[in-house]
């Protein structure tokens, strides 16, 4: 993809500052960085965070690794199962 952009003076200064600060030699590196940051922001906006105690998170992380899943994939699958059968999540822990 070819992209031609003309920036006003203020945006041009900001672009050059980012380029200098990040140590980039090429304009395409700055554009790649900006795209990556925006994509991350979009992905984060599409999810809500659920905070778990460290001990539970550690157990979930081990279970995810055992199933060759990421922690997010594992939590998603467990959550979907619990939503299908909510009474499973009501078992008392003692």
N, C-alpha and C. Protein backbone atom coordinates (compact mmCIF):
# COMPACT_ATOMS: atom_id res chain seq x y z
N UNK A 1 0.84 -1.17 0.00
CA UNK A 1 0.00 0.00 0.00
C UNK A 1 0.89 1.24 0.00
N UNK A 2 0.54 2.17 -0.82
CA UNK A 2 1.28 3.42 -0.86
C UNK A 2 0.41 4.49 -0.23
N UNK A 3 1.04 5.32 0.61
CA UNK A 3 0.31 6.34 1.33
C UNK A 3 1.05 7.66 1.19
N UNK A 4 0.35 8.66 0.70
CA UNK A 4 0.91 10.01 0.60
C UNK A 4 0.15 10.92 1.55
N UNK A 5 0.88 11.59 2.42
CA UNK A 5 0.25 12.44 3.43
C UNK A 5 0.95 13.78 3.47
N UNK A 6 0.16 14.83 3.59
CA UNK A 6 0.71 16.16 3.79
C UNK A 6 0.26 16.62 5.17
N UNK A 7 1.23 16.98 6.00
CA UNK A 7 0.93 17.40 7.36
C UNK A 7 1.09 18.91 7.50
N UNK A 8 0.24 19.50 8.33
CA UNK A 8 0.43 20.93 8.60
C UNK A 8 1.66 21.08 9.49
N UNK A 9 2.03 22.31 9.78
CA UNK A 9 3.27 22.56 10.51
C UNK A 9 3.26 21.93 11.91
N UNK A 10 2.16 22.05 12.61
CA UNK A 10 2.06 21.50 13.97
C UNK A 10 2.18 19.97 13.95
N UNK A 11 1.44 19.32 13.06
CA UNK A 11 1.49 17.86 12.97
C UNK A 11 2.85 17.39 12.50
N UNK A 12 3.46 18.14 11.61
CA UNK A 12 4.78 17.79 11.11
C UNK A 12 5.82 17.83 12.22
N UNK A 13 5.74 18.87 13.08
CA UNK A 13 6.66 18.97 14.22
C UNK A 13 6.46 17.79 15.17
N UNK A 14 5.20 17.47 15.44
CA UNK A 14 4.90 16.35 16.34
C UNK A 14 5.42 15.05 15.76
N UNK A 15 5.24 14.86 14.47
CA UNK A 15 5.71 13.65 13.79
C UNK A 15 7.23 13.52 13.93
N UNK A 16 7.93 14.61 13.67
CA UNK A 16 9.39 14.60 13.77
C UNK A 16 9.86 14.36 15.21
N UNK A 17 9.14 14.91 16.18
CA UNK A 17 9.49 14.69 17.59
C UNK A 17 9.34 13.22 17.96
N UNK A 18 8.24 12.61 17.51
CA UNK A 18 8.04 11.17 17.78
C UNK A 18 9.15 10.37 17.12
N UNK A 19 9.44 10.70 15.89
CA UNK A 19 10.48 9.99 15.14
C UNK A 19 11.83 10.09 15.86
N UNK A 20 12.16 11.30 16.31
CA UNK A 20 13.43 11.52 17.01
C UNK A 20 13.44 10.81 18.36
N UNK A 21 12.37 10.96 19.13
CA UNK A 21 12.28 10.38 20.46
C UNK A 21 12.40 8.85 20.41
N UNK A 22 11.76 8.24 19.42
CA UNK A 22 11.77 6.78 19.31
C UNK A 22 13.04 6.28 18.63
N UNK A 23 13.82 7.17 18.05
CA UNK A 23 15.06 6.78 17.40
C UNK A 23 14.86 6.15 16.03
N UNK A 24 13.76 6.48 15.39
CA UNK A 24 13.47 5.93 14.07
C UNK A 24 14.20 6.70 12.99
N UNK A 25 14.62 5.98 11.97
CA UNK A 25 15.27 6.62 10.83
C UNK A 25 14.30 6.85 9.68
N UNK A 26 13.23 6.05 9.64
CA UNK A 26 12.32 6.11 8.49
C UNK A 26 10.92 6.53 8.94
N UNK A 27 10.27 7.29 8.08
CA UNK A 27 8.91 7.73 8.36
C UNK A 27 7.96 6.55 8.51
N UNK A 28 8.20 5.49 7.76
CA UNK A 28 7.32 4.32 7.81
C UNK A 28 7.32 3.68 9.20
N UNK A 29 8.43 3.81 9.92
CA UNK A 29 8.49 3.27 11.28
C UNK A 29 7.53 4.01 12.20
N UNK A 30 7.44 5.31 12.03
CA UNK A 30 6.53 6.12 12.85
C UNK A 30 5.08 5.75 12.52
N UNK A 31 4.79 5.63 11.25
CA UNK A 31 3.43 5.26 10.83
C UNK A 31 3.09 3.87 11.36
N UNK A 32 4.01 2.93 11.29
CA UNK A 32 3.79 1.59 11.83
C UNK A 32 3.51 1.62 13.31
N UNK A 33 4.25 2.44 14.04
CA UNK A 33 4.05 2.59 15.48
C UNK A 33 2.66 3.14 15.78
N UNK A 34 2.26 4.16 15.04
CA UNK A 34 0.95 4.77 15.26
C UNK A 34 -0.17 3.77 14.97
N UNK A 35 -0.03 3.00 13.91
CA UNK A 35 -1.04 2.00 13.57
C UNK A 35 -1.12 0.94 14.66
N UNK A 36 0.03 0.50 15.13
CA UNK A 36 0.08 -0.50 16.18
C UNK A 36 -0.57 -0.01 17.47
N UNK A 37 -0.28 1.22 17.86
CA UNK A 37 -0.88 1.79 19.07
C UNK A 37 -2.39 1.90 18.93
N UNK A 38 -2.86 2.33 17.78
CA UNK A 38 -4.30 2.49 17.57
C UNK A 38 -4.99 1.12 17.55
N UNK A 39 -4.37 0.14 16.93
CA UNK A 39 -4.94 -1.21 16.91
C UNK A 39 -5.05 -1.76 18.33
N UNK A 40 -4.01 -1.57 19.14
CA UNK A 40 -4.05 -2.01 20.54
C UNK A 40 -5.18 -1.32 21.30
N UNK A 41 -5.34 -0.03 21.07
CA UNK A 41 -6.40 0.72 21.75
C UNK A 41 -7.77 0.18 21.38
N UNK A 42 -7.97 -0.13 20.10
CA UNK A 42 -9.24 -0.67 19.64
C UNK A 42 -9.51 -2.02 20.29
N UNK A 43 -8.48 -2.87 20.34
CA UNK A 43 -8.65 -4.18 20.96
C UNK A 43 -8.96 -4.07 22.44
N UNK A 44 -8.26 -3.17 23.14
CA UNK A 44 -8.52 -2.98 24.56
C UNK A 44 -9.93 -2.45 24.80
N UNK A 45 -10.40 -1.60 23.91
CA UNK A 45 -11.74 -1.01 24.06
C UNK A 45 -12.83 -2.05 23.86
N UNK A 46 -12.51 -3.15 23.18
CA UNK A 46 -13.52 -4.17 22.91
C UNK A 46 -13.62 -5.19 24.02
N UNK A 47 -12.82 -5.03 25.07
CA UNK A 47 -12.82 -5.97 26.18
C UNK A 47 -12.95 -5.23 27.50
N UNK A 48 -13.51 -5.90 28.47
CA UNK A 48 -13.55 -5.38 29.83
C UNK A 48 -12.64 -6.25 30.67
N UNK A 49 -11.98 -5.65 31.60
CA UNK A 49 -11.07 -6.41 32.45
C UNK A 49 -11.81 -6.93 33.67
N UNK A 50 -11.51 -8.17 34.00
CA UNK A 50 -12.02 -8.78 35.21
C UNK A 50 -10.81 -9.03 36.09
N UNK A 51 -10.84 -8.51 37.29
CA UNK A 51 -9.69 -8.64 38.17
C UNK A 51 -9.86 -9.88 39.04
N UNK A 52 -8.84 -10.69 39.06
CA UNK A 52 -8.83 -11.93 39.83
C UNK A 52 -7.74 -11.87 40.88
N UNK A 53 -7.96 -12.52 42.01
CA UNK A 53 -6.87 -12.62 42.98
C UNK A 53 -5.67 -13.33 42.34
N UNK A 54 -4.48 -12.99 42.78
CA UNK A 54 -3.26 -13.56 42.18
C UNK A 54 -3.26 -15.08 42.17
N UNK A 55 -3.69 -15.70 43.26
CA UNK A 55 -3.68 -17.16 43.34
C UNK A 55 -4.59 -17.79 42.28
N UNK A 56 -5.76 -17.21 42.07
CA UNK A 56 -6.69 -17.74 41.07
C UNK A 56 -6.14 -17.49 39.67
N UNK A 57 -5.58 -16.33 39.45
CA UNK A 57 -4.99 -16.03 38.14
C UNK A 57 -3.87 -17.02 37.82
N UNK A 58 -3.02 -17.31 38.81
CA UNK A 58 -1.92 -18.26 38.61
C UNK A 58 -2.44 -19.64 38.24
N UNK A 59 -3.50 -20.09 38.92
CA UNK A 59 -4.11 -21.39 38.59
C UNK A 59 -4.68 -21.39 37.18
N UNK A 60 -5.36 -20.30 36.82
CA UNK A 60 -5.94 -20.19 35.49
C UNK A 60 -4.85 -20.18 34.42
N UNK A 61 -3.75 -19.51 34.72
CA UNK A 61 -2.63 -19.45 33.78
C UNK A 61 -2.03 -20.84 33.56
N UNK A 62 -1.88 -21.62 34.63
CA UNK A 62 -1.36 -22.98 34.51
C UNK A 62 -2.31 -23.86 33.71
N UNK A 63 -3.61 -23.72 33.97
CA UNK A 63 -4.60 -24.50 33.24
C UNK A 63 -4.58 -24.13 31.76
N UNK A 64 -4.44 -22.85 31.46
CA UNK A 64 -4.39 -22.40 30.07
C UNK A 64 -3.18 -23.00 29.36
N UNK A 65 -2.03 -22.98 30.02
CA UNK A 65 -0.81 -23.55 29.41
C UNK A 65 -0.99 -25.03 29.15
N UNK A 66 -1.62 -25.75 30.09
CA UNK A 66 -1.84 -27.18 29.93
C UNK A 66 -2.73 -27.48 28.73
N UNK A 67 -3.62 -26.56 28.41
CA UNK A 67 -4.52 -26.73 27.26
C UNK A 67 -3.99 -26.05 26.00
N UNK A 68 -2.77 -25.50 26.09
CA UNK A 68 -2.15 -24.80 24.98
C UNK A 68 -2.99 -23.61 24.50
N UNK A 69 -3.51 -22.87 25.49
CA UNK A 69 -4.30 -21.67 25.21
C UNK A 69 -3.63 -20.47 25.87
N UNK A 70 -3.97 -19.30 25.39
CA UNK A 70 -3.54 -18.09 26.10
C UNK A 70 -4.46 -17.93 27.31
N UNK A 71 -4.04 -17.13 28.26
CA UNK A 71 -4.87 -16.90 29.44
C UNK A 71 -6.21 -16.29 29.04
N UNK A 72 -6.21 -15.38 28.06
CA UNK A 72 -7.46 -14.76 27.60
C UNK A 72 -8.39 -15.80 26.97
N UNK A 73 -7.83 -16.68 26.14
CA UNK A 73 -8.65 -17.73 25.51
C UNK A 73 -9.25 -18.65 26.57
N UNK A 74 -8.44 -19.00 27.57
CA UNK A 74 -8.91 -19.89 28.63
C UNK A 74 -10.02 -19.23 29.44
N UNK A 75 -9.82 -17.99 29.85
CA UNK A 75 -10.84 -17.28 30.64
C UNK A 75 -12.12 -17.14 29.82
N UNK A 76 -11.99 -16.84 28.54
CA UNK A 76 -13.17 -16.75 27.67
C UNK A 76 -13.93 -18.07 27.64
N UNK A 77 -13.20 -19.19 27.50
CA UNK A 77 -13.88 -20.49 27.41
C UNK A 77 -14.55 -20.85 28.74
N UNK A 78 -13.87 -20.60 29.85
CA UNK A 78 -14.46 -20.90 31.16
C UNK A 78 -15.70 -20.04 31.38
N UNK A 79 -15.60 -18.77 31.04
CA UNK A 79 -16.73 -17.86 31.21
C UNK A 79 -17.92 -18.30 30.35
N UNK A 80 -17.66 -18.68 29.11
CA UNK A 80 -18.75 -19.14 28.23
C UNK A 80 -19.42 -20.38 28.80
N UNK A 81 -18.62 -21.32 29.34
CA UNK A 81 -19.18 -22.53 29.94
C UNK A 81 -20.05 -22.18 31.14
N UNK A 82 -19.58 -21.26 31.97
CA UNK A 82 -20.35 -20.87 33.15
C UNK A 82 -21.64 -20.14 32.76
N UNK A 83 -21.60 -19.37 31.70
CA UNK A 83 -22.82 -18.68 31.25
C UNK A 83 -23.85 -19.67 30.71
N UNK A 84 -23.37 -20.76 30.12
CA UNK A 84 -24.28 -21.80 29.62
C UNK A 84 -24.90 -22.57 30.78
N UNK A 85 -24.14 -22.77 31.85
CA UNK A 85 -24.62 -23.52 33.01
C UNK A 85 -24.23 -22.76 34.28
N UNK A 86 -24.95 -21.71 34.61
CA UNK A 86 -24.57 -20.83 35.72
C UNK A 86 -24.48 -21.52 37.08
N UNK A 87 -25.24 -22.59 37.29
CA UNK A 87 -25.22 -23.25 38.60
C UNK A 87 -23.86 -23.88 38.89
N UNK A 88 -23.08 -24.16 37.87
CA UNK A 88 -21.73 -24.71 38.06
C UNK A 88 -20.84 -23.72 38.81
N UNK A 89 -21.07 -22.45 38.61
CA UNK A 89 -20.26 -21.43 39.26
C UNK A 89 -20.67 -21.15 40.70
N UNK A 90 -21.77 -21.76 41.15
CA UNK A 90 -22.26 -21.50 42.50
C UNK A 90 -21.80 -22.53 43.51
N UNK A 91 -20.95 -23.47 43.12
CA UNK A 91 -20.45 -24.48 44.04
C UNK A 91 -19.67 -23.79 45.16
N UNK A 92 -19.92 -24.21 46.37
CA UNK A 92 -19.23 -23.63 47.53
C UNK A 92 -17.81 -24.10 47.59
N UNK A 93 -16.91 -23.20 47.89
CA UNK A 93 -15.51 -23.56 48.12
C UNK A 93 -15.24 -23.39 49.60
N UNK A 94 -14.64 -24.39 50.20
CA UNK A 94 -14.36 -24.27 51.63
C UNK A 94 -12.95 -24.63 51.96
